[in-house]
Amino acid sequence: MYRTSTRSRHNGHSHLSGDLRNIRDAIKKATRGVTGRAGELLSDSIEDVRHKSVDVQKNVAYHVAKKPVRYMAAAALTGWLIGFLTRK
């Protein structure tokens, strides 16, 4: 009687490990698609940031060219303020 219960436990472990392997394989298969999609989204986001930064750069260059004295004064004031705050 003792041996029978040991065998049934052993068979239960082999079924359990097989089920766990199947679950692991299913999770791997499911995450492959997700990681590919995440990579695409990241690539698209990086490309959007590049385009927006070029637009901002052009916009800033336009406005500085339009009123250079105003923006030079703002830059000098900002530099002075940063120097004042970081000076010990």
C-alpha atoms as a PDB file:
ATOM      1  CA  MET A   1       0.000   0.000   0.000  1.00  0.00           C
ATOM      2  CA  TYR A   2       2.832   2.402   0.775  1.00  0.00           C
ATOM      3  CA  ARG A   3       4.436   1.847  -2.623  1.00  0.00           C
ATOM      4  CA  THR A   4       1.217   2.540  -4.466  1.00  0.00           C
ATOM      5  CA  SER A   5       0.797   5.913  -2.828  1.00  0.00           C
ATOM      6  CA  THR A   6       4.449   6.753  -3.608  1.00  0.00           C
ATOM      7  CA  ARG A   7       3.938   5.902  -7.243  1.00  0.00           C
ATOM      8  CA  SER A   8       0.794   7.985  -7.488  1.00  0.00           C
ATOM      9  CA  ARG A   9       2.625  10.941  -5.945  1.00  0.00           C
ATOM     10  CA  HIS A  10       5.465  10.460  -8.413  1.00  0.00           C
ATOM     11  CA  ASN A  11       3.037  10.399 -11.324  1.00  0.00           C
ATOM     12  CA  GLY A  12       1.406  13.527  -9.946  1.00  0.00           C
ATOM     13  CA  HIS A  13       4.769  15.290  -9.890  1.00  0.00           C
ATOM     14  CA  SER A  14       5.515  14.329 -13.478  1.00  0.00           C
ATOM     15  CA  HIS A  15       2.116  15.618 -14.597  1.00  0.00           C
ATOM     16  CA  LEU A  16       2.635  18.781 -12.575  1.00  0.00           C
ATOM     17  CA  SER A  17       6.072  19.436 -14.037  1.00  0.00           C
ATOM     18  CA  GLY A  18       4.711  18.797 -17.529  1.00  0.00           C
ATOM     19  CA  ASP A  19       1.871  21.248 -16.882  1.00  0.00           C
ATOM     20  CA  LEU A  20       4.322  23.818 -15.569  1.00  0.00           C
ATOM     21  CA  ARG A  21       6.465  23.395 -18.689  1.00  0.00           C
ATOM     22  CA  ASN A  22       3.390  23.899 -20.869  1.00  0.00           C
ATOM     23  CA  ILE A  23       2.439  27.034 -18.937  1.00  0.00           C
ATOM     24  CA  ARG A  24       5.989  28.389 -19.203  1.00  0.00           C
ATOM     25  CA  ASP A  25       6.028  27.768 -22.962  1.00  0.00           C
ATOM     26  CA  ALA A  26       2.627  29.441 -23.381  1.00  0.00           C
ATOM     27  CA  ILE A  27       3.816  32.506 -21.458  1.00  0.00           C
ATOM     28  CA  LYS A  28       6.980  32.724 -23.568  1.00  0.00           C
ATOM     29  CA  LYS A  29       4.933  32.477 -26.745  1.00  0.00           C
ATOM     30  CA  ALA A  30       2.500  35.165 -25.542  1.00  0.00           C
ATOM     31  CA  THR A  31       5.218  37.611 -24.481  1.00  0.00           C
ATOM     32  CA  ARG A  32       7.089  37.409 -27.792  1.00  0.00           C
ATOM     33  CA  GLY A  33       4.354  39.404 -29.487  1.00  0.00           C
ATOM     34  CA  VAL A  34       4.150  41.880 -26.636  1.00  0.00           C
ATOM     35  CA  THR A  35       7.865  42.643 -26.629  1.00  0.00           C
ATOM     36  CA  GLY A  36       7.825  43.136 -30.392  1.00  0.00           C
ATOM     37  CA  ARG A  37       4.917  45.564 -30.112  1.00  0.00           C
ATOM     38  CA  ALA A  38       6.598  47.394 -27.216  1.00  0.00           C
ATOM     39  CA  GLY A  39       9.707  47.832 -29.351  1.00  0.00           C
ATOM     40  CA  GLU A  40       7.622  49.276 -32.167  1.00  0.00           C
ATOM     41  CA  LEU A  41       5.899  51.714 -29.802  1.00  0.00           C
ATOM     42  CA  LEU A  42       9.238  52.808 -28.351  1.00  0.00           C
ATOM     43  CA  SER A  43      10.675  53.324 -31.812  1.00  0.00           C
ATOM     44  CA  ASP A  44       7.630  55.366 -32.854  1.00  0.00           C
ATOM     45  CA  SER A  45       7.863  57.462 -29.677  1.00  0.00           C
ATOM     46  CA  ILE A  46      11.542  58.192 -30.255  1.00  0.00           C
ATOM     47  CA  GLU A  47      10.801  59.224 -33.827  1.00  0.00           C
ATOM     48  CA  ASP A  48       7.992  61.536 -32.629  1.00  0.00           C
ATOM     49  CA  VAL A  49      10.346  63.162 -30.110  1.00  0.00           C
ATOM     50  CA  ARG A  50      12.916  63.738 -32.845  1.00  0.00           C
ATOM     51  CA  HIS A  51      10.355  65.411 -35.093  1.00  0.00           C
ATOM     52  CA  LYS A  52       9.022  67.581 -32.273  1.00  0.00           C
ATOM     53  CA  SER A  53      12.507  68.634 -31.202  1.00  0.00           C
ATOM     54  CA  VAL A  54      13.288  69.747 -34.758  1.00  0.00           C
ATOM     55  CA  ASP A  55      10.034  71.738 -34.817  1.00  0.00           C
ATOM     56  CA  VAL A  56      10.844  73.372 -31.464  1.00  0.00           C
ATOM     57  CA  GLN A  57      14.356  74.185 -32.650  1.00  0.00           C
ATOM     58  CA  LYS A  58      13.012  75.895 -35.775  1.00  0.00           C
ATOM     59  CA  ASN A  59      10.394  77.759 -33.740  1.00  0.00           C
ATOM     60  CA  VAL A  60      12.978  79.044 -31.245  1.00  0.00           C
ATOM     61  CA  ALA A  61      15.337  80.080 -34.032  1.00  0.00           C
ATOM     62  CA  TYR A  62      12.519  82.015 -35.719  1.00  0.00           C
ATOM     63  CA  HIS A  63      11.536  83.880 -32.567  1.00  0.00           C
ATOM     64  CA  VAL A  64      15.129  84.677 -31.576  1.00  0.00           C
ATOM     65  CA  ALA A  65      15.809  86.025 -35.080  1.00  0.00           C
ATOM     66  CA  LYS A  66      12.665  88.141 -34.833  1.00  0.00           C
ATOM     67  CA  LYS A  67      13.549  89.761 -31.441  1.00  0.00           C
ATOM     68  CA  PRO A  68      17.220  89.029 -30.671  1.00  0.00           C
ATOM     69  CA  VAL A  69      17.730  91.710 -27.983  1.00  0.00           C
ATOM     70  CA  ARG A  70      14.821  90.450 -25.902  1.00  0.00           C
ATOM     71  CA  TYR A  71      16.043  86.844 -25.955  1.00  0.00           C
ATOM     72  CA  MET A  72      19.675  87.815 -25.293  1.00  0.00           C
ATOM     73  CA  ALA A  73      18.524  89.762 -22.222  1.00  0.00           C
ATOM     74  CA  ALA A  74      16.441  86.767 -21.074  1.00  0.00           C
ATOM     75  CA  ALA A  75      19.452  84.462 -21.529  1.00  0.00           C
ATOM     76  CA  ALA A  76      21.719  86.841 -19.592  1.00  0.00           C
ATOM     77  CA  LEU A  77      19.181  87.151 -16.775  1.00  0.00           C
ATOM     78  CA  THR A  78      18.780  83.374 -16.628  1.00  0.00           C
ATOM     79  CA  GLY A  79      22.553  82.908 -16.490  1.00  0.00           C
ATOM     80  CA  TRP A  80      22.867  85.483 -13.728  1.00  0.00           C
ATOM     81  CA  LEU A  81      20.044  83.837 -11.733  1.00  0.00           C
ATOM     82  CA  ILE A  82      21.586  80.370 -12.037  1.00  0.00           C
ATOM     83  CA  GLY A  83      24.978  81.766 -10.996  1.00  0.00           C
ATOM     84  CA  PHE A  84      23.426  83.572  -8.028  1.00  0.00           C
ATOM     85  CA  LEU A  85      21.580  80.447  -6.843  1.00  0.00           C
ATOM     86  CA  THR A  86      24.547  78.087  -7.215  1.00  0.00           C
ATOM     87  CA  ARG A  87      27.191  80.416  -5.766  1.00  0.00           C
ATOM     88  CA  LYS A  88      28.285  79.554  -2.247  1.00  0.00           C
END
